Amino acid sequence: IASFAGNAITVGKGISVTMDAVTTGDMLYLDNGGATMTGDGKFINCNDDNTSKFSVAVNGLTTIAGNASGTDALVVTAGDILVTSGHIDMTVGDMTLADGSVSITDADNAASLSVVNNTVTTADAVTIVSNALTSGSALDITSTSTGKTTGGLVNIAQTGATTTQEVPSMTVSTSATTHASAGIASFTGNALTIGDAVSISANALTSGSALDITSTSTGK
């Protein structure tokens, strides 16, 4: 319908629209009446030498070519990103919060947070660092459920058989304090009546110990 060419322009504006008094109107209105747009049709398509860099397609699908991983393709300086229904999918890359929190509220019978990294070998799959703690906890797990029947509140299971592992599946240690009330691990089950406070099973032991307690203290 209309075509504008200004190939020699280096500064200034190719198209300028000014509507200083607009209230409920639209400065730019694009209408594809009859919903005929399908396939590769676009409401807006911004190109560099016939290579699309930014486009808005059917149903508002917005595509940004971007530059490379680690460079900004979309910048929001203030405000929120709201997804009322749908997913946020990331195939490759990292998500970094420089100063913020993550809060998850879920209402379905599925895992609220799942971490899978079957490639990691020498690094840590999950790391929590809280160097300024005073009375808080680095990890706090609670449940007020009154209908629990099976399954542990915390379950650590290593099922891969190996003859080369030289460290325990779970290690708890501290060298942070000499206070008389401090400890490495504490178990409290004051409402327990018929169960076992601590249960250890090691049915395949040959020369090892189900429980090994040692101390090299010379001042005890």
C-alpha atoms as a PDB file:
ATOM      1  CA  ILE A   1       0.000   0.000   0.000  1.00  0.00           C
ATOM      2  CA  ALA A   2       2.767   2.370   0.930  1.00  0.00           C
ATOM      3  CA  SER A   3       6.539   2.193   0.647  1.00  0.00           C
ATOM      4  CA  PHE A   4       9.104   4.617   2.030  1.00  0.00           C
ATOM      5  CA  ALA A   5      12.763   4.626   1.039  1.00  0.00           C
ATOM      6  CA  GLY A   6      15.420   6.828   2.593  1.00  0.00           C
ATOM      7  CA  ASN A   7      18.631   4.929   1.981  1.00  0.00           C
ATOM      8  CA  ALA A   8      20.823   8.039   2.146  1.00  0.00           C
ATOM      9  CA  ILE A   9      19.503   9.223   5.547  1.00  0.00           C
ATOM     10  CA  THR A  10      22.104   8.905   8.321  1.00  0.00           C
ATOM     11  CA  VAL A  11      20.503  10.938  11.128  1.00  0.00           C
ATOM     12  CA  GLY A  12      16.951  12.012  11.890  1.00  0.00           C
ATOM     13  CA  LYS A  13      13.800   9.893  11.690  1.00  0.00           C
ATOM     14  CA  GLY A  14      12.400   7.830   8.867  1.00  0.00           C
ATOM     15  CA  ILE A  15       8.848   8.067  10.233  1.00  0.00           C
ATOM     16  CA  SER A  16       7.787  10.312  13.112  1.00  0.00           C
ATOM     17  CA  VAL A  17       4.339  10.274  14.725  1.00  0.00           C
ATOM     18  CA  THR A  18       3.500  12.848  17.401  1.00  0.00           C
ATOM     19  CA  MET A  19       0.186  12.824  19.314  1.00  0.00           C
ATOM     20  CA  ASP A  20       0.783  14.757  22.514  1.00  0.00           C
ATOM     21  CA  ALA A  21      -2.909  14.876  23.470  1.00  0.00           C
ATOM     22  CA  VAL A  22      -3.784  11.212  22.911  1.00  0.00           C
ATOM     23  CA  THR A  23      -5.640   9.559  25.787  1.00  0.00           C
ATOM     24  CA  THR A  24      -7.493   6.410  24.711  1.00  0.00           C
ATOM     25  CA  GLY A  25      -6.501   6.369  21.064  1.00  0.00           C
ATOM     26  CA  ASP A  26      -3.689   4.454  19.378  1.00  0.00           C
ATOM     27  CA  MET A  27      -0.557   6.069  17.978  1.00  0.00           C
ATOM     28  CA  LEU A  28      -0.157   3.099  15.669  1.00  0.00           C
ATOM     29  CA  TYR A  29      -3.033   0.754  14.881  1.00  0.00           C
ATOM     30  CA  LEU A  30      -2.572  -2.430  12.861  1.00  0.00           C
ATOM     31  CA  ASP A  31      -5.642  -4.570  12.108  1.00  0.00           C
ATOM     32  CA  ASN A  32      -5.720  -7.957  10.449  1.00  0.00           C
ATOM     33  CA  GLY A  33      -9.477  -8.261  10.169  1.00  0.00           C
ATOM     34  CA  GLY A  34     -10.932 -11.732   9.816  1.00  0.00           C
ATOM     35  CA  ALA A  35      -7.968 -13.438  11.523  1.00  0.00           C
ATOM     36  CA  THR A  36      -6.551 -14.397   8.127  1.00  0.00           C
ATOM     37  CA  MET A  37      -2.942 -14.156   9.256  1.00  0.00           C
ATOM     38  CA  THR A  38      -1.372 -17.613   9.446  1.00  0.00           C
ATOM     39  CA  GLY A  39       1.979 -19.212   8.855  1.00  0.00           C
ATOM     40  CA  ASP A  40       4.800 -16.704   8.544  1.00  0.00           C
ATOM     41  CA  GLY A  41       2.619 -13.596   8.521  1.00  0.00           C
ATOM     42  CA  LYS A  42       3.721 -10.712  10.748  1.00  0.00           C
ATOM     43  CA  PHE A  43       2.135  -7.584  12.219  1.00  0.00           C
ATOM     44  CA  ILE A  44       5.622  -6.077  12.539  1.00  0.00           C
ATOM     45  CA  ASN A  45       8.849  -7.349  11.026  1.00  0.00           C
ATOM     46  CA  CYS A  46      12.106  -5.449  11.557  1.00  0.00           C
ATOM     47  CA  ASN A  47      14.932  -6.594   9.269  1.00  0.00           C
ATOM     48  CA  ASP A  48      18.615  -5.980   8.667  1.00  0.00           C
ATOM     49  CA  ASP A  49      19.470  -6.829   5.042  1.00  0.00           C
ATOM     50  CA  ASN A  50      16.389  -9.066   4.805  1.00  0.00           C
ATOM     51  CA  THR A  51      17.276 -10.885   8.048  1.00  0.00           C
ATOM     52  CA  SER A  52      14.537 -10.574  10.663  1.00  0.00           C
ATOM     53  CA  LYS A  53      15.740  -9.154  13.989  1.00  0.00           C
ATOM     54  CA  PHE A  54      12.425  -8.380  15.690  1.00  0.00           C
ATOM     55  CA  SER A  55       8.917  -9.457  14.748  1.00  0.00           C
ATOM     56  CA  VAL A  56       5.382  -9.678  16.093  1.00  0.00           C
ATOM     57  CA  ALA A  57       3.409 -12.465  14.466  1.00  0.00           C
ATOM     58  CA  VAL A  58       0.028 -14.169  14.794  1.00  0.00           C
ATOM     59  CA  ASN A  59      -1.456 -14.192  18.318  1.00  0.00           C
ATOM     60  CA  GLY A  60       1.208 -11.695  19.394  1.00  0.00           C
ATOM     61  CA  LEU A  61       4.122 -14.103  19.045  1.00  0.00           C
ATOM     62  CA  THR A  62       7.184 -11.876  19.555  1.00  0.00           C
ATOM     63  CA  THR A  63      10.575 -13.042  18.303  1.00  0.00           C
ATOM     64  CA  ILE A  64      13.861 -11.260  19.038  1.00  0.00           C
ATOM     65  CA  ALA A  65      16.969 -12.502  17.235  1.00  0.00           C
ATOM     66  CA  GLY A  66      19.365 -11.114  19.843  1.00  0.00           C
ATOM     67  CA  ASN A  67      23.128 -11.130  19.554  1.00  0.00           C
ATOM     68  CA  ALA A  68      24.691 -13.878  21.676  1.00  0.00           C
ATOM     69  CA  SER A  69      24.368 -15.631  25.017  1.00  0.00           C
ATOM     70  CA  GLY A  70      25.374 -13.213  27.767  1.00  0.00           C
ATOM     71  CA  THR A  71      24.173 -10.104  25.919  1.00  0.00           C
ATOM     72  CA  ASP A  72      20.830  -8.390  26.527  1.00  0.00           C
ATOM     73  CA  ALA A  73      18.053  -8.968  23.986  1.00  0.00           C
ATOM     74  CA  LEU A  74      15.212  -7.644  26.165  1.00  0.00           C
ATOM     75  CA  VAL A  75      15.701  -5.023  28.897  1.00  0.00           C
ATOM     76  CA  VAL A  76      13.033  -4.059  31.457  1.00  0.00           C
ATOM     77  CA  THR A  77      14.258  -1.188  33.635  1.00  0.00           C
ATOM     78  CA  ALA A  78      11.158  -1.033  35.859  1.00  0.00           C
ATOM     79  CA  GLY A  79       7.948  -2.969  36.330  1.00  0.00           C
ATOM     80  CA  ASP A  80       7.098  -6.658  36.290  1.00  0.00           C
ATOM     81  CA  ILE A  81       6.860  -9.489  33.797  1.00  0.00           C
ATOM     82  CA  LEU A  82       3.496 -11.186  34.381  1.00  0.00           C
ATOM     83  CA  VAL A  83       2.562 -14.603  33.009  1.00  0.00           C
ATOM     84  CA  THR A  84      -1.043 -15.422  33.915  1.00  0.00           C
ATOM     85  CA  SER A  85      -1.163 -18.764  32.102  1.00  0.00           C
ATOM     86  CA  GLY A  86       1.675 -20.622  30.433  1.00  0.00           C
ATOM     87  CA  HIS A  87       5.304 -21.537  30.940  1.00  0.00           C
ATOM     88  CA  ILE A  88       8.734 -19.938  30.909  1.00  0.00           C
ATOM     89  CA  ASP A  89      10.967 -22.313  28.923  1.00  0.00           C
ATOM     90  CA  MET A  90      14.750 -21.926  28.671  1.00  0.00           C
ATOM     91  CA  THR A  91      16.647 -24.458  26.564  1.00  0.00           C
ATOM     92  CA  VAL A  92      20.208 -23.111  26.955  1.00  0.00           C
ATOM     93  CA  GLY A  93      21.624 -20.431  29.243  1.00  0.00           C
ATOM     94  CA  ASP A  94      21.688 -19.315  32.872  1.00  0.00           C
ATOM     95  CA  MET A  95      19.235 -17.449  35.073  1.00  0.00           C
ATOM     96  CA  THR A  96      20.933 -15.014  37.462  1.00  0.00           C
ATOM     97  CA  LEU A  97      19.387 -12.885  40.205  1.00  0.00           C
ATOM     98  CA  ALA A  98      21.841 -10.175  41.229  1.00  0.00           C
ATOM     99  CA  ASP A  99      19.681  -9.087  44.178  1.00  0.00           C
ATOM    100  CA  GLY A 100      16.311 -10.761  44.520  1.00  0.00           C
ATOM    101  CA  SER A 101      14.314 -13.683  45.868  1.00  0.00           C
ATOM    102  CA  VAL A 102      12.447 -16.616  44.365  1.00  0.00           C
ATOM    103  CA  SER A 103       9.064 -17.500  45.851  1.00  0.00           C
ATOM    104  CA  ILE A 104       7.109 -20.525  44.622  1.00  0.00           C
ATOM    105  CA  THR A 105       3.447 -21.079  45.492  1.00  0.00           C
ATOM    106  CA  ASP A 106       2.041 -24.253  43.974  1.00  0.00           C
ATOM    107  CA  ALA A 107      -1.423 -25.822  44.051  1.00  0.00           C
ATOM    108  CA  ASP A 108      -1.065 -29.115  42.194  1.00  0.00           C
ATOM    109  CA  ASN A 109       0.049 -32.614  43.181  1.00  0.00           C
ATOM    110  CA  ALA A 110       3.463 -32.438  41.534  1.00  0.00           C
ATOM    111  CA  ALA A 111       6.988 -31.367  42.403  1.00  0.00           C
ATOM    112  CA  SER A 112       7.207 -27.604  42.975  1.00  0.00           C
ATOM    113  CA  LEU A 113      10.957 -27.536  42.381  1.00  0.00           C
ATOM    114  CA  SER A 114      12.947 -30.150  40.475  1.00  0.00           C
ATOM    115  CA  VAL A 115      16.683 -30.036  39.735  1.00  0.00           C
ATOM    116  CA  VAL A 116      18.097 -32.528  37.199  1.00  0.00           C
ATOM    117  CA  ASN A 117      21.731 -32.446  36.087  1.00  0.00           C
ATOM    118  CA  ASN A 118      22.861 -35.825  34.818  1.00  0.00           C
ATOM    119  CA  THR A 119      26.052 -34.339  33.326  1.00  0.00           C
ATOM    120  CA  VAL A 120      27.681 -32.936  36.467  1.00  0.00           C
ATOM    121  CA  THR A 121      30.642 -35.009  37.720  1.00  0.00           C
ATOM    122  CA  THR A 122      32.917 -32.938  39.979  1.00  0.00           C
ATOM    123  CA  ALA A 123      30.810 -29.818  40.653  1.00  0.00           C
ATOM    124  CA  ASP A 124      27.915 -29.478  43.106  1.00  0.00           C
ATOM    125  CA  ALA A 125      24.391 -29.969  41.747  1.00  0.00           C
ATOM    126  CA  VAL A 126      22.934 -27.587  44.361  1.00  0.00           C
ATOM    127  CA  THR A 127      24.912 -25.075  46.438  1.00  0.00           C
ATOM    128  CA  ILE A 128      23.641 -22.953  49.335  1.00  0.00           C
ATOM    129  CA  VAL A 129      25.936 -20.286  50.814  1.00  0.00           C
ATOM    130  CA  SER A 130      24.829 -18.114  53.768  1.00  0.00           C
ATOM    131  CA  ASN A 131      27.969 -16.646  55.307  1.00  0.00           C
ATOM    132  CA  ALA A 132      26.202 -13.942  57.349  1.00  0.00           C
ATOM    133  CA  LEU A 133      23.812 -16.230  59.260  1.00  0.00           C
ATOM    134  CA  THR A 134      23.259 -15.539  62.954  1.00  0.00           C
ATOM    135  CA  SER A 135      20.055 -17.248  64.116  1.00  0.00           C
ATOM    136  CA  GLY A 136      18.571 -18.310  60.781  1.00  0.00           C
ATOM    137  CA  SER A 137      19.017 -21.570  58.886  1.00  0.00           C
ATOM    138  CA  ALA A 138      20.628 -22.153  55.504  1.00  0.00           C
ATOM    139  CA  LEU A 139      17.952 -24.772  54.801  1.00  0.00           C
ATOM    140  CA  ASP A 140      14.640 -25.046  56.660  1.00  0.00           C
ATOM    141  CA  ILE A 141      12.192 -27.855  55.855  1.00  0.00           C
ATOM    142  CA  THR A 142       8.887 -28.036  57.750  1.00  0.00           C
ATOM    143  CA  SER A 143       5.521 -29.768  57.372  1.00  0.00           C
ATOM    144  CA  THR A 144       2.334 -29.481  59.440  1.00  0.00           C
ATOM    145  CA  SER A 145       0.678 -32.403  57.652  1.00  0.00           C
ATOM    146  CA  THR A 146      -1.463 -34.621  59.924  1.00  0.00           C
ATOM    147  CA  GLY A 147      -2.187 -37.201  57.220  1.00  0.00           C
ATOM    148  CA  LYS A 148       1.349 -38.350  56.436  1.00  0.00           C
ATOM    149  CA  THR A 149       1.701 -42.149  56.237  1.00  0.00           C
ATOM    150  CA  THR A 150       4.792 -43.006  54.175  1.00  0.00           C
ATOM    151  CA  GLY A 151       7.797 -41.195  52.784  1.00  0.00           C
ATOM    152  CA  GLY A 152      10.374 -39.248  54.734  1.00  0.00           C
ATOM    153  CA  LEU A 153      10.255 -35.508  55.177  1.00  0.00           C
ATOM    154  CA  VAL A 154      13.813 -35.621  53.870  1.00  0.00           C
ATOM    155  CA  ASN A 155      14.844 -38.547  51.689  1.00  0.00           C
ATOM    156  CA  ILE A 156      18.442 -39.094  50.585  1.00  0.00           C
ATOM    157  CA  ALA A 157      18.876 -42.225  48.480  1.00  0.00           C
ATOM    158  CA  GLN A 158      21.918 -43.314  46.505  1.00  0.00           C
ATOM    159  CA  THR A 159      20.996 -46.337  44.389  1.00  0.00           C
ATOM    160  CA  GLY A 160      23.974 -46.615  42.030  1.00  0.00           C
ATOM    161  CA  ALA A 161      26.234 -49.485  43.119  1.00  0.00           C
ATOM    162  CA  THR A 162      29.933 -48.583  43.195  1.00  0.00           C
ATOM    163  CA  THR A 163      33.139 -50.013  44.627  1.00  0.00           C
ATOM    164  CA  THR A 164      35.187 -46.828  44.181  1.00  0.00           C
ATOM    165  CA  GLN A 165      33.291 -44.425  46.469  1.00  0.00           C
ATOM    166  CA  GLU A 166      35.470 -43.573  49.475  1.00  0.00           C
ATOM    167  CA  VAL A 167      33.219 -41.045  51.242  1.00  0.00           C
ATOM    168  CA  PRO A 168      29.801 -41.386  52.910  1.00  0.00           C
ATOM    169  CA  SER A 169      26.588 -40.657  51.022  1.00  0.00           C
ATOM    170  CA  MET A 170      25.852 -37.933  53.585  1.00  0.00           C
ATOM    171  CA  THR A 171      28.449 -35.934  55.497  1.00  0.00           C
ATOM    172  CA  VAL A 172      27.686 -33.526  58.344  1.00  0.00           C
ATOM    173  CA  SER A 173      30.574 -31.651  59.933  1.00  0.00           C
ATOM    174  CA  THR A 174      31.292 -28.412  61.754  1.00  0.00           C
ATOM    175  CA  SER A 175      34.304 -26.574  63.098  1.00  0.00           C
ATOM    176  CA  ALA A 176      32.513 -23.298  63.671  1.00  0.00           C
ATOM    177  CA  THR A 177      32.083 -23.176  67.441  1.00  0.00           C
ATOM    178  CA  THR A 178      33.268 -24.439  70.807  1.00  0.00           C
ATOM    179  CA  HIS A 179      30.086 -23.457  72.664  1.00  0.00           C
ATOM    180  CA  ALA A 180      28.879 -26.040  75.185  1.00  0.00           C
ATOM    181  CA  SER A 181      25.408 -26.187  73.576  1.00  0.00           C
ATOM    182  CA  ALA A 182      26.706 -26.699  70.051  1.00  0.00           C
ATOM    183  CA  GLY A 183      26.647 -29.999  68.224  1.00  0.00           C
ATOM    184  CA  ILE A 184      26.972 -31.664  64.850  1.00  0.00           C
ATOM    185  CA  ALA A 185      23.516 -33.259  64.668  1.00  0.00           C
ATOM    186  CA  SER A 186      20.462 -33.175  66.888  1.00  0.00           C
ATOM    187  CA  PHE A 187      17.401 -35.439  66.779  1.00  0.00           C
ATOM    188  CA  THR A 188      14.252 -34.639  68.752  1.00  0.00           C
ATOM    189  CA  GLY A 189      11.126 -36.821  68.795  1.00  0.00           C
ATOM    190  CA  ASN A 190       9.481 -36.115  72.120  1.00  0.00           C
ATOM    191  CA  ALA A 191       6.050 -37.233  70.899  1.00  0.00           C
ATOM    192  CA  LEU A 192       7.320 -40.623  69.726  1.00  0.00           C
ATOM    193  CA  THR A 193       5.716 -43.538  71.551  1.00  0.00           C
ATOM    194  CA  ILE A 194       6.197 -46.835  69.672  1.00  0.00           C
ATOM    195  CA  GLY A 195       8.606 -46.087  66.810  1.00  0.00           C
ATOM    196  CA  ASP A 196      12.389 -45.916  66.710  1.00  0.00           C
ATOM    197  CA  ALA A 197      14.073 -42.592  67.380  1.00  0.00           C
ATOM    198  CA  VAL A 198      17.048 -43.647  65.266  1.00  0.00           C
ATOM    199  CA  SER A 199      17.126 -46.716  63.022  1.00  0.00           C
ATOM    200  CA  ILE A 200      20.277 -48.050  61.358  1.00  0.00           C
ATOM    201  CA  SER A 201      20.231 -51.003  58.983  1.00  0.00           C
ATOM    202  CA  ALA A 202      23.373 -52.431  57.340  1.00  0.00           C
ATOM    203  CA  ASN A 203      22.536 -56.029  56.447  1.00  0.00           C
ATOM    204  CA  ALA A 204      25.506 -56.631  54.119  1.00  0.00           C
ATOM    205  CA  LEU A 205      28.259 -55.634  56.543  1.00  0.00           C
ATOM    206  CA  THR A 206      31.353 -57.805  56.678  1.00  0.00           C
ATOM    207  CA  SER A 207      34.180 -55.909  58.347  1.00  0.00           C
ATOM    208  CA  GLY A 208      32.579 -52.462  58.663  1.00  0.00           C
ATOM    209  CA  SER A 209      30.464 -51.030  61.479  1.00  0.00           C
ATOM    210  CA  ALA A 210      26.828 -50.011  61.553  1.00  0.00           C
ATOM    211  CA  LEU A 211      27.800 -47.193  63.930  1.00  0.00           C
ATOM    212  CA  ASP A 212      31.358 -46.008  64.522  1.00  0.00           C
ATOM    213  CA  ILE A 213      31.983 -43.388  67.211  1.00  0.00           C
ATOM    214  CA  THR A 214      35.522 -42.143  67.797  1.00  0.00           C
ATOM    215  CA  SER A 215      37.254 -39.314  69.594  1.00  0.00           C
ATOM    216  CA  THR A 216      40.930 -38.386  69.702  1.00  0.00           C
ATOM    217  CA  SER A 217      40.405 -35.798  72.410  1.00  0.00           C
ATOM    218  CA  THR A 218      43.168 -35.656  75.015  1.00  0.00           C
ATOM    219  CA  GLY A 219      41.310 -33.288  77.316  1.00  0.00           C
ATOM    220  CA  LYS A 220      38.077 -35.190  77.863  1.00  0.00           C
END
